[in-house]
Amino acid sequence: MALTKEFKDTVMELCKDPDYRKALLHEALESYLDNDIAVGNSLVKDYLNGSQNFLAASNLLKTQESGLRRMVSRTGNPTAKNFFLLFNACLQLENITASSFLDIENS
């Protein structure tokens, strides 16, 4: 099902809040760990679109933006290596350390 422009605009607006972006990444990680790759990809894609970080993340990964977009598409299936590199890039873009990220529920 295609997303409406209104929903996309809402995500863009919500992504102005760093706590929301952090929560998106947290939910994405939980989805991946629950073996729901499609939802995890969708949430990472929402984060990258909403924070307008596709280009910055692709630069950090030294890959083309189009390849990164394919990796987080609904049918994308990133290797574990690429997933962790991408997730680390997202944390870097947010200036979040892994230890503080994993303690999100206690903050």
PDB file of N, CA and C in Angstrom:
ATOM      1  N   MET A   1       0.846  -1.163   0.000  1.00  0.00           N
ATOM      2  CA  MET A   1       0.000   0.000   0.000  1.00  0.00           C
ATOM      3  C   MET A   1       0.901   1.238   0.000  1.00  0.00           C
ATOM      4  N   ALA A   2       0.592   2.158  -0.867  1.00  0.00           N
ATOM      5  CA  ALA A   2       1.378   3.393  -0.988  1.00  0.00           C
ATOM      6  C   ALA A   2       1.049   4.337   0.163  1.00  0.00           C
ATOM      7  N   LEU A   3       2.068   5.043   0.605  1.00  0.00           N
ATOM      8  CA  LEU A   3       1.866   6.016   1.674  1.00  0.00           C
ATOM      9  C   LEU A   3       1.319   7.309   1.091  1.00  0.00           C
ATOM     10  N   THR A   4       0.466   7.946   1.856  1.00  0.00           N
ATOM     11  CA  THR A   4      -0.095   9.211   1.386  1.00  0.00           C
ATOM     12  C   THR A   4       0.910  10.328   1.606  1.00  0.00           C
ATOM     13  N   LYS A   5       0.753  11.385   0.852  1.00  0.00           N
ATOM     14  CA  LYS A   5       1.626  12.554   1.000  1.00  0.00           C
ATOM     15  C   LYS A   5       1.495  13.120   2.410  1.00  0.00           C
ATOM     16  N   GLU A   6       0.283  13.088   2.956  1.00  0.00           N
ATOM     17  CA  GLU A   6       0.050  13.606   4.301  1.00  0.00           C
ATOM     18  C   GLU A   6       0.878  12.821   5.331  1.00  0.00           C
ATOM     19  N   PHE A   7       0.919  11.482   5.198  1.00  0.00           N
ATOM     20  CA  PHE A   7       1.697  10.670   6.119  1.00  0.00           C
ATOM     21  C   PHE A   7       3.178  10.986   5.991  1.00  0.00           C
ATOM     22  N   LYS A   8       3.668  11.091   4.774  1.00  0.00           N
ATOM     23  CA  LYS A   8       5.080  11.412   4.552  1.00  0.00           C
ATOM     24  C   LYS A   8       5.427  12.776   5.139  1.00  0.00           C
ATOM     25  N   ASP A   9       4.538  13.737   4.958  1.00  0.00           N
ATOM     26  CA  ASP A   9       4.766  15.072   5.532  1.00  0.00           C
ATOM     27  C   ASP A   9       4.792  15.020   7.056  1.00  0.00           C
ATOM     28  N   THR A  10       3.937  14.185   7.636  1.00  0.00           N
ATOM     29  CA  THR A  10       3.893  14.030   9.087  1.00  0.00           C
ATOM     30  C   THR A  10       5.210  13.453   9.596  1.00  0.00           C
ATOM     31  N   VAL A  11       5.718  12.430   8.919  1.00  0.00           N
ATOM     32  CA  VAL A  11       6.997  11.837   9.314  1.00  0.00           C
ATOM     33  C   VAL A  11       8.111  12.869   9.204  1.00  0.00           C
ATOM     34  N   MET A  12       8.109  13.644   8.124  1.00  0.00           N
ATOM     35  CA  MET A  12       9.128  14.681   7.952  1.00  0.00           C
ATOM     36  C   MET A  12       9.071  15.684   9.112  1.00  0.00           C
ATOM     37  N   GLU A  13       7.875  16.054   9.503  1.00  0.00           N
ATOM     38  CA  GLU A  13       7.716  17.015  10.599  1.00  0.00           C
ATOM     39  C   GLU A  13       8.171  16.403  11.925  1.00  0.00           C
ATOM     40  N   LEU A  14       7.779  15.163  12.184  1.00  0.00           N
ATOM     41  CA  LEU A  14       8.160  14.499  13.427  1.00  0.00           C
ATOM     42  C   LEU A  14       9.671  14.301  13.521  1.00  0.00           C
ATOM     43  N   CYS A  15      10.314  14.093  12.386  1.00  0.00           N
ATOM     44  CA  CYS A  15      11.763  13.848  12.369  1.00  0.00           C
ATOM     45  C   CYS A  15      12.583  15.089  12.706  1.00  0.00           C
ATOM     46  N   LYS A  16      11.939  16.210  12.890  1.00  0.00           N
ATOM     47  CA  LYS A  16      12.663  17.398  13.352  1.00  0.00           C
ATOM     48  C   LYS A  16      13.062  17.244  14.819  1.00  0.00           C
ATOM     49  N   ASP A  17      12.391  16.337  15.515  1.00  0.00           N
ATOM     50  CA  ASP A  17      12.654  16.078  16.930  1.00  0.00           C
ATOM     51  C   ASP A  17      13.699  14.963  17.067  1.00  0.00           C
ATOM     52  N   PRO A  18      14.865  15.253  17.671  1.00  0.00           N
ATOM     53  CA  PRO A  18      15.908  14.232  17.808  1.00  0.00           C
ATOM     54  C   PRO A  18      15.448  13.003  18.597  1.00  0.00           C
ATOM     55  N   ASP A  19      14.564  13.190  19.571  1.00  0.00           N
ATOM     56  CA  ASP A  19      14.061  12.037  20.328  1.00  0.00           C
ATOM     57  C   ASP A  19      13.221  11.124  19.446  1.00  0.00           C
ATOM     58  N   TYR A  20      12.453  11.709  18.536  1.00  0.00           N
ATOM     59  CA  TYR A  20      11.652  10.906  17.613  1.00  0.00           C
ATOM     60  C   TYR A  20      12.571  10.114  16.683  1.00  0.00           C
ATOM     61  N   ARG A  21      13.627  10.767  16.170  1.00  0.00           N
ATOM     62  CA  ARG A  21      14.561  10.074  15.279  1.00  0.00           C
ATOM     63  C   ARG A  21      15.231   8.911  16.006  1.00  0.00           C
ATOM     64  N   LYS A  22      15.602   9.135  17.242  1.00  0.00           N
ATOM     65  CA  LYS A  22      16.227   8.084  18.045  1.00  0.00           C
ATOM     66  C   LYS A  22      15.238   6.928  18.265  1.00  0.00           C
ATOM     67  N   ALA A  23      13.996   7.258  18.531  1.00  0.00           N
ATOM     68  CA  ALA A  23      12.970   6.226  18.732  1.00  0.00           C
ATOM     69  C   ALA A  23      12.730   5.435  17.443  1.00  0.00           C
ATOM     70  N   LEU A  24      12.761   6.114  16.304  1.00  0.00           N
ATOM     71  CA  LEU A  24      12.617   5.417  15.016  1.00  0.00           C
ATOM     72  C   LEU A  24      13.722   4.380  14.848  1.00  0.00           C
ATOM     73  N   LEU A  25      14.944   4.783  15.143  1.00  0.00           N
ATOM     74  CA  LEU A  25      16.067   3.855  15.022  1.00  0.00           C
ATOM     75  C   LEU A  25      15.943   2.704  16.014  1.00  0.00           C
ATOM     76  N   HIS A  26      15.468   3.001  17.211  1.00  0.00           N
ATOM     77  CA  HIS A  26      15.264   1.956  18.221  1.00  0.00           C
ATOM     78  C   HIS A  26      14.221   0.952  17.742  1.00  0.00           C
ATOM     79  N   GLU A  27      13.118   1.438  17.219  1.00  0.00           N
ATOM     80  CA  GLU A  27      12.064   0.551  16.707  1.00  0.00           C
ATOM     81  C   GLU A  27      12.568  -0.272  15.522  1.00  0.00           C
ATOM     82  N   ALA A  28      13.377   0.352  14.677  1.00  0.00           N
ATOM     83  CA  ALA A  28      13.944  -0.376  13.537  1.00  0.00           C
ATOM     84  C   ALA A  28      14.795  -1.533  14.027  1.00  0.00           C
ATOM     85  N   LEU A  29      15.653  -1.280  15.004  1.00  0.00           N
ATOM     86  CA  LEU A  29      16.512  -2.326  15.543  1.00  0.00           C
ATOM     87  C   LEU A  29      15.678  -3.453  16.145  1.00  0.00           C
ATOM     88  N   GLU A  30      14.650  -3.103  16.900  1.00  0.00           N
ATOM     89  CA  GLU A  30      13.770  -4.130  17.478  1.00  0.00           C
ATOM     90  C   GLU A  30      13.096  -4.954  16.384  1.00  0.00           C
ATOM     91  N   SER A  31      12.681  -4.309  15.306  1.00  0.00           N
ATOM     92  CA  SER A  31      12.050  -5.038  14.198  1.00  0.00           C
ATOM     93  C   SER A  31      13.026  -6.011  13.557  1.00  0.00           C
ATOM     94  N   TYR A  32      14.256  -5.551  13.321  1.00  0.00           N
ATOM     95  CA  TYR A  32      15.266  -6.457  12.759  1.00  0.00           C
ATOM     96  C   TYR A  32      15.504  -7.647  13.686  1.00  0.00           C
ATOM     97  N   LEU A  33      15.619  -7.377  14.976  1.00  0.00           N
ATOM     98  CA  LEU A  33      15.879  -8.460  15.931  1.00  0.00           C
ATOM     99  C   LEU A  33      14.694  -9.420  16.036  1.00  0.00           C
ATOM    100  N   ASP A  34      13.496  -8.936  15.743  1.00  0.00           N
ATOM    101  CA  ASP A  34      12.296  -9.780  15.730  1.00  0.00           C
ATOM    102  C   ASP A  34      12.102 -10.463  14.381  1.00  0.00           C
ATOM    103  N   ASN A  35      13.111 -10.349  13.509  1.00  0.00           N
ATOM    104  CA  ASN A  35      13.105 -10.955  12.178  1.00  0.00           C
ATOM    105  C   ASN A  35      12.049 -10.354  11.248  1.00  0.00           C
ATOM    106  N   ASP A  36      11.694  -9.119  11.486  1.00  0.00           N
ATOM    107  CA  ASP A  36      10.763  -8.415  10.600  1.00  0.00           C
ATOM    108  C   ASP A  36      11.578  -7.403   9.789  1.00  0.00           C
ATOM    109  N   ILE A  37      12.297  -7.935   8.804  1.00  0.00           N
ATOM    110  CA  ILE A  37      13.233  -7.145   8.011  1.00  0.00           C
ATOM    111  C   ILE A  37      12.518  -6.037   7.250  1.00  0.00           C
ATOM    112  N   ALA A  38      11.354  -6.342   6.684  1.00  0.00           N
ATOM    113  CA  ALA A  38      10.629  -5.339   5.892  1.00  0.00           C
ATOM    114  C   ALA A  38      10.258  -4.125   6.740  1.00  0.00           C
ATOM    115  N   VAL A  39       9.790  -4.362   7.963  1.00  0.00           N
ATOM    116  CA  VAL A  39       9.425  -3.245   8.839  1.00  0.00           C
ATOM    117  C   VAL A  39      10.678  -2.493   9.276  1.00  0.00           C
ATOM    118  N   GLY A  40      11.737  -3.212   9.611  1.00  0.00           N
ATOM    119  CA  GLY A  40      12.993  -2.563   9.983  1.00  0.00           C
ATOM    120  C   GLY A  40      13.506  -1.681   8.861  1.00  0.00           C
ATOM    121  N   ASN A  41      13.488  -2.206   7.633  1.00  0.00           N
ATOM    122  CA  ASN A  41      13.916  -1.415   6.483  1.00  0.00           C
ATOM    123  C   ASN A  41      13.055  -0.176   6.319  1.00  0.00           C
ATOM    124  N   SER A  42      11.757  -0.346   6.486  1.00  0.00           N
ATOM    125  CA  SER A  42      10.833   0.775   6.327  1.00  0.00           C
ATOM    126  C   SER A  42      11.115   1.867   7.363  1.00  0.00           C
ATOM    127  N   LEU A  43      11.393   1.464   8.588  1.00  0.00           N
ATOM    128  CA  LEU A  43      11.662   2.443   9.640  1.00  0.00           C
ATOM    129  C   LEU A  43      12.991   3.163   9.414  1.00  0.00           C
ATOM    130  N   VAL A  44      14.007   2.421   8.967  1.00  0.00           N
ATOM    131  CA  VAL A  44      15.290   3.072   8.656  1.00  0.00           C
ATOM    132  C   VAL A  44      15.104   4.029   7.485  1.00  0.00           C
ATOM    133  N   LYS A  45      14.316   3.605   6.500  1.00  0.00           N
ATOM    134  CA  LYS A  45      14.046   4.480   5.359  1.00  0.00           C
ATOM    135  C   LYS A  45      13.290   5.728   5.804  1.00  0.00           C
ATOM    136  N   ASP A  46      12.319   5.572   6.701  1.00  0.00           N
ATOM    137  CA  ASP A  46      11.602   6.735   7.235  1.00  0.00           C
ATOM    138  C   ASP A  46      12.577   7.667   7.951  1.00  0.00           C
ATOM    139  N   TYR A  47      13.495   7.086   8.732  1.00  0.00           N
ATOM    140  CA  TYR A  47      14.495   7.899   9.423  1.00  0.00           C
ATOM    141  C   TYR A  47      15.349   8.670   8.407  1.00  0.00           C
ATOM    142  N   LEU A  48      15.870   7.963   7.406  1.00  0.00           N
ATOM    143  CA  LEU A  48      16.755   8.602   6.434  1.00  0.00           C
ATOM    144  C   LEU A  48      16.029   9.667   5.618  1.00  0.00           C
ATOM    145  N   ASN A  49      14.785   9.386   5.243  1.00  0.00           N
ATOM    146  CA  ASN A  49      14.001  10.382   4.510  1.00  0.00           C
ATOM    147  C   ASN A  49      13.653  11.566   5.407  1.00  0.00           C
ATOM    148  N   GLY A  50      13.149  11.266   6.593  1.00  0.00           N
ATOM    149  CA  GLY A  50      12.695  12.319   7.493  1.00  0.00           C
ATOM    150  C   GLY A  50      13.812  13.223   7.977  1.00  0.00           C
ATOM    151  N   SER A  51      14.981  12.647   8.189  1.00  0.00           N
ATOM    152  CA  SER A  51      16.120  13.445   8.648  1.00  0.00           C
ATOM    153  C   SER A  51      16.931  13.989   7.476  1.00  0.00           C
ATOM    154  N   GLN A  52      16.518  13.612   6.286  1.00  0.00           N
ATOM    155  CA  GLN A  52      17.189  14.016   5.046  1.00  0.00           C
ATOM    156  C   GLN A  52      18.670  13.626   5.080  1.00  0.00           C
ATOM    157  N   ASN A  53      18.914  12.384   5.518  1.00  0.00           N
ATOM    158  CA  ASN A  53      20.276  11.893   5.684  1.00  0.00           C
ATOM    159  C   ASN A  53      20.675  10.799   4.706  1.00  0.00           C
ATOM    160  N   PHE A  54      19.907  10.558   3.659  1.00  0.00           N
ATOM    161  CA  PHE A  54      20.286   9.519   2.702  1.00  0.00           C
ATOM    162  C   PHE A  54      21.671   9.800   2.118  1.00  0.00           C
ATOM    163  N   LEU A  55      21.901  11.013   1.672  1.00  0.00           N
ATOM    164  CA  LEU A  55      23.181  11.350   1.053  1.00  0.00           C
ATOM    165  C   LEU A  55      24.314  11.276   2.079  1.00  0.00           C
ATOM    166  N   ALA A  56      24.090  11.810   3.270  1.00  0.00           N
ATOM    167  CA  ALA A  56      25.127  11.783   4.306  1.00  0.00           C
ATOM    168  C   ALA A  56      25.468  10.345   4.686  1.00  0.00           C
ATOM    169  N   ALA A  57      24.450   9.492   4.828  1.00  0.00           N
ATOM    170  CA  ALA A  57      24.699   8.089   5.170  1.00  0.00           C
ATOM    171  C   ALA A  57      25.436   7.378   4.041  1.00  0.00           C
ATOM    172  N   SER A  58      25.049   7.636   2.812  1.00  0.00           N
ATOM    173  CA  SER A  58      25.745   6.990   1.695  1.00  0.00           C
ATOM    174  C   SER A  58      27.195   7.454   1.617  1.00  0.00           C
ATOM    175  N   ASN A  59      27.463   8.711   1.956  1.00  0.00           N
ATOM    176  CA  ASN A  59      28.841   9.198   1.998  1.00  0.00           C
ATOM    177  C   ASN A  59      29.641   8.500   3.091  1.00  0.00           C
ATOM    178  N   LEU A  60      29.038   8.335   4.275  1.00  0.00           N
ATOM    179  CA  LEU A  60      29.722   7.640   5.363  1.00  0.00           C
ATOM    180  C   LEU A  60      30.026   6.188   4.994  1.00  0.00           C
ATOM    181  N   LEU A  61      29.104   5.572   4.254  1.00  0.00           N
ATOM    182  CA  LEU A  61      29.273   4.177   3.852  1.00  0.00           C
ATOM    183  C   LEU A  61      30.110   4.022   2.587  1.00  0.00           C
ATOM    184  N   LYS A  62      30.419   5.153   1.958  1.00  0.00           N
ATOM    185  CA  LYS A  62      31.173   5.147   0.700  1.00  0.00           C
ATOM    186  C   LYS A  62      30.460   4.296  -0.357  1.00  0.00           C
ATOM    187  N   THR A  63      29.169   4.545  -0.471  1.00  0.00           N
ATOM    188  CA  THR A  63      28.338   3.850  -1.443  1.00  0.00           C
ATOM    189  C   THR A  63      27.445   4.871  -2.133  1.00  0.00           C
ATOM    190  N   GLN A  64      26.820   4.456  -3.213  1.00  0.00           N
ATOM    191  CA  GLN A  64      25.917   5.365  -3.908  1.00  0.00           C
ATOM    192  C   GLN A  64      24.570   5.417  -3.197  1.00  0.00           C
ATOM    193  N   GLU A  65      23.966   6.582  -3.239  1.00  0.00           N
ATOM    194  CA  GLU A  65      22.669   6.770  -2.584  1.00  0.00           C
ATOM    195  C   GLU A  65      21.625   5.805  -3.140  1.00  0.00           C
ATOM    196  N   SER A  66      21.658   5.564  -4.450  1.00  0.00           N
ATOM    197  CA  SER A  66      20.668   4.663  -5.055  1.00  0.00           C
ATOM    198  C   SER A  66      20.802   3.245  -4.492  1.00  0.00           C
ATOM    199  N   GLY A  67      22.026   2.798  -4.238  1.00  0.00           N
ATOM    200  CA  GLY A  67      22.234   1.478  -3.650  1.00  0.00           C
ATOM    201  C   GLY A  67      21.717   1.413  -2.227  1.00  0.00           C
ATOM    202  N   LEU A  68      21.925   2.488  -1.486  1.00  0.00           N
ATOM    203  CA  LEU A  68      21.421   2.557  -0.119  1.00  0.00           C
ATOM    204  C   LEU A  68      19.896   2.533  -0.119  1.00  0.00           C
ATOM    205  N   ARG A  69      19.291   3.247  -1.041  1.00  0.00           N
ATOM    206  CA  ARG A  69      17.819   3.251  -1.142  1.00  0.00           C
ATOM    207  C   ARG A  69      17.296   1.848  -1.455  1.00  0.00           C
ATOM    208  N   ARG A  70      17.991   1.122  -2.320  1.00  0.00           N
ATOM    209  CA  ARG A  70      17.576  -0.256  -2.626  1.00  0.00           C
ATOM    210  C   ARG A  70      17.723  -1.146  -1.388  1.00  0.00           C
ATOM    211  N   MET A  71      18.809  -0.929  -0.628  1.00  0.00           N
ATOM    212  CA  MET A  71      19.059  -1.755   0.542  1.00  0.00           C
ATOM    213  C   MET A  71      17.928  -1.643   1.564  1.00  0.00           C
ATOM    214  N   VAL A  72      17.359  -0.453   1.736  1.00  0.00           N
ATOM    215  CA  VAL A  72      16.307  -0.271   2.740  1.00  0.00           C
ATOM    216  C   VAL A  72      14.907  -0.258   2.123  1.00  0.00           C
ATOM    217  N   SER A  73      14.815  -0.708   0.879  1.00  0.00           N
ATOM    218  CA  SER A  73      13.484  -0.798   0.262  1.00  0.00           C
ATOM    219  C   SER A  73      12.716  -1.952   0.905  1.00  0.00           C
ATOM    220  N   ARG A  74      11.455  -2.019   0.633  1.00  0.00           N
ATOM    221  CA  ARG A  74      10.593  -3.061   1.223  1.00  0.00           C
ATOM    222  C   ARG A  74      11.132  -4.456   0.944  1.00  0.00           C
ATOM    223  N   THR A  75      11.710  -4.654  -0.227  1.00  0.00           N
ATOM    224  CA  THR A  75      12.243  -5.966  -0.587  1.00  0.00           C
ATOM    225  C   THR A  75      13.753  -6.049  -0.395  1.00  0.00           C
ATOM    226  N   GLY A  76      14.343  -4.981   0.141  1.00  0.00           N
ATOM    227  CA  GLY A  76      15.781  -4.979   0.365  1.00  0.00           C
ATOM    228  C   GLY A  76      16.164  -5.992   1.432  1.00  0.00           C
ATOM    229  N   ASN A  77      17.355  -6.530   1.297  1.00  0.00           N
ATOM    230  CA  ASN A  77      17.821  -7.527   2.249  1.00  0.00           C
ATOM    231  C   ASN A  77      19.304  -7.282   2.501  1.00  0.00           C
ATOM    232  N   PRO A  78      19.626  -6.275   3.321  1.00  0.00           N
ATOM    233  CA  PRO A  78      21.034  -5.967   3.541  1.00  0.00           C
ATOM    234  C   PRO A  78      21.750  -7.109   4.253  1.00  0.00           C
ATOM    235  N   THR A  79      23.009  -7.309   3.903  1.00  0.00           N
ATOM    236  CA  THR A  79      23.798  -8.281   4.646  1.00  0.00           C
ATOM    237  C   THR A  79      23.959  -7.759   6.068  1.00  0.00           C
ATOM    238  N   ALA A  80      24.318  -8.636   6.971  1.00  0.00           N
ATOM    239  CA  ALA A  80      24.525  -8.209   8.358  1.00  0.00           C
ATOM    240  C   ALA A  80      25.603  -7.128   8.420  1.00  0.00           C
ATOM    241  N   LYS A  81      26.657  -7.306   7.655  1.00  0.00           N
ATOM    242  CA  LYS A  81      27.738  -6.317   7.641  1.00  0.00           C
ATOM    243  C   LYS A  81      27.198  -4.957   7.204  1.00  0.00           C
ATOM    244  N   ASN A  82      26.469  -4.919   6.084  1.00  0.00           N
ATOM    245  CA  ASN A  82      25.930  -3.650   5.582  1.00  0.00           C
ATOM    246  C   ASN A  82      24.913  -3.053   6.539  1.00  0.00           C
ATOM    247  N   PHE A  83      24.100  -3.908   7.152  1.00  0.00           N
ATOM    248  CA  PHE A  83      23.121  -3.404   8.106  1.00  0.00           C
ATOM    249  C   PHE A  83      23.821  -2.707   9.268  1.00  0.00           C
ATOM    250  N   PHE A  84      24.826  -3.352   9.861  1.00  0.00           N
ATOM    251  CA  PHE A  84      25.503  -2.760  11.009  1.00  0.00           C
ATOM    252  C   PHE A  84      26.289  -1.524  10.615  1.00  0.00           C
ATOM    253  N   LEU A  85      26.861  -1.504   9.431  1.00  0.00           N
ATOM    254  CA  LEU A  85      27.541  -0.295   8.957  1.00  0.00           C
ATOM    255  C   LEU A  85      26.537   0.850   8.802  1.00  0.00           C
ATOM    256  N   LEU A  86      25.370   0.546   8.220  1.00  0.00           N
ATOM    257  CA  LEU A  86      24.333   1.560   8.044  1.00  0.00           C
ATOM    258  C   LEU A  86      23.821   2.048   9.393  1.00  0.00           C
ATOM    259  N   PHE A  87      23.550   1.116  10.296  1.00  0.00           N
ATOM    260  CA  PHE A  87      23.015   1.509  11.594  1.00  0.00           C
ATOM    261  C   PHE A  87      24.020   2.359  12.347  1.00  0.00           C
ATOM    262  N   ASN A  88      25.291   1.994  12.270  1.00  0.00           N
ATOM    263  CA  ASN A  88      26.341   2.793  12.906  1.00  0.00           C
ATOM    264  C   ASN A  88      26.401   4.186  12.277  1.00  0.00           C
ATOM    265  N   ALA A  89      26.240   4.266  10.960  1.00  0.00           N
ATOM    266  CA  ALA A  89      26.237   5.575  10.283  1.00  0.00           C
ATOM    267  C   ALA A  89      25.071   6.429  10.785  1.00  0.00           C
ATOM    268  N   CYS A  90      23.903   5.821  10.958  1.00  0.00           N
ATOM    269  CA  CYS A  90      22.743   6.567  11.473  1.00  0.00           C
ATOM    270  C   CYS A  90      23.020   7.087  12.879  1.00  0.00           C
ATOM    271  N   LEU A  91      23.625   6.254  13.712  1.00  0.00           N
ATOM    272  CA  LEU A  91      23.961   6.698  15.071  1.00  0.00           C
ATOM    273  C   LEU A  91      24.974   7.837  15.033  1.00  0.00           C
ATOM    274  N   GLN A  92      25.957   7.743  14.136  1.00  0.00           N
ATOM    275  CA  GLN A  92      26.938   8.822  13.995  1.00  0.00           C
ATOM    276  C   GLN A  92      26.265  10.122  13.579  1.00  0.00           C
ATOM    277  N   LEU A  93      25.327  10.025  12.636  1.00  0.00           N
ATOM    278  CA  LEU A  93      24.636  11.222  12.157  1.00  0.00           C
ATOM    279  C   LEU A  93      23.839  11.888  13.273  1.00  0.00           C
ATOM    280  N   GLU A  94      23.414  11.098  14.239  1.00  0.00           N
ATOM    281  CA  GLU A  94      22.663  11.630  15.381  1.00  0.00           C
ATOM    282  C   GLU A  94      23.565  11.951  16.567  1.00  0.00           C
ATOM    283  N   ASN A  95      24.871  11.717  16.429  1.00  0.00           N
ATOM    284  CA  ASN A  95      25.820  11.896  17.535  1.00  0.00           C
ATOM    285  C   ASN A  95      25.417  11.075  18.754  1.00  0.00           C
ATOM    286  N   ILE A  96      25.041   9.824  18.495  1.00  0.00           N
ATOM    287  CA  ILE A  96      24.613   8.906  19.547  1.00  0.00           C
ATOM    288  C   ILE A  96      25.658   7.799  19.651  1.00  0.00           C
ATOM    289  N   THR A  97      26.053   7.484  20.877  1.00  0.00           N
ATOM    290  CA  THR A  97      26.933   6.334  21.068  1.00  0.00           C
ATOM    291  C   THR A  97      26.080   5.079  21.186  1.00  0.00           C
ATOM    292  N   ALA A  98      26.664   3.953  20.852  1.00  0.00           N
ATOM    293  CA  ALA A  98      25.921   2.689  20.929  1.00  0.00           C
ATOM    294  C   ALA A  98      25.442   2.435  22.350  1.00  0.00           C
ATOM    295  N   SER A  99      26.283   2.714  23.348  1.00  0.00           N
ATOM    296  CA  SER A  99      25.892   2.443  24.725  1.00  0.00           C
ATOM    297  C   SER A  99      24.716   3.309  25.174  1.00  0.00           C
ATOM    298  N   SER A 100      24.716   4.583  24.779  1.00  0.00           N
ATOM    299  CA  SER A 100      23.590   5.430  25.163  1.00  0.00           C
ATOM    300  C   SER A 100      22.331   5.064  24.384  1.00  0.00           C
ATOM    301  N   PHE A 101      22.505   4.600  23.145  1.00  0.00           N
ATOM    302  CA  PHE A 101      21.365   4.199  22.325  1.00  0.00           C
ATOM    303  C   PHE A 101      20.671   2.987  22.931  1.00  0.00           C
ATOM    304  N   LEU A 102      21.425   2.033  23.391  1.00  0.00           N
ATOM    305  CA  LEU A 102      20.842   0.811  23.941  1.00  0.00           C
ATOM    306  C   LEU A 102      20.179   1.041  25.282  1.00  0.00           C
ATOM    307  N   ASP A 103      20.432   2.186  25.901  1.00  0.00           N
ATOM    308  CA  ASP A 103      19.842   2.526  27.192  1.00  0.00           C
ATOM    309  C   ASP A 103      18.678   3.501  27.023  1.00  0.00           C
ATOM    310  N   ILE A 104      18.056   3.524  25.833  1.00  0.00           N
ATOM    311  CA  ILE A 104      17.017   4.505  25.504  1.00  0.00           C
ATOM    312  C   ILE A 104      15.831   4.441  26.461  1.00  0.00           C
ATOM    313  N   GLU A 105      15.458   3.252  26.929  1.00  0.00           N
ATOM    314  CA  GLU A 105      14.267   3.134  27.763  1.00  0.00           C
ATOM    315  C   GLU A 105      14.495   3.688  29.163  1.00  0.00           C
ATOM    316  N   ASN A 106      15.738   3.825  29.571  1.00  0.00           N
ATOM    317  CA  ASN A 106      16.025   4.343  30.904  1.00  0.00           C
ATOM    318  C   ASN A 106      16.296   5.837  30.901  1.00  0.00           C
ATOM    319  N   SER A 107      16.240   6.471  29.725  1.00  0.00           N
ATOM    320  CA  SER A 107      16.534   7.903  29.676  1.00  0.00           C
ATOM    321  C   SER A 107      15.292   8.737  29.773  1.00  0.00           C
TER     322      SER A 107
END
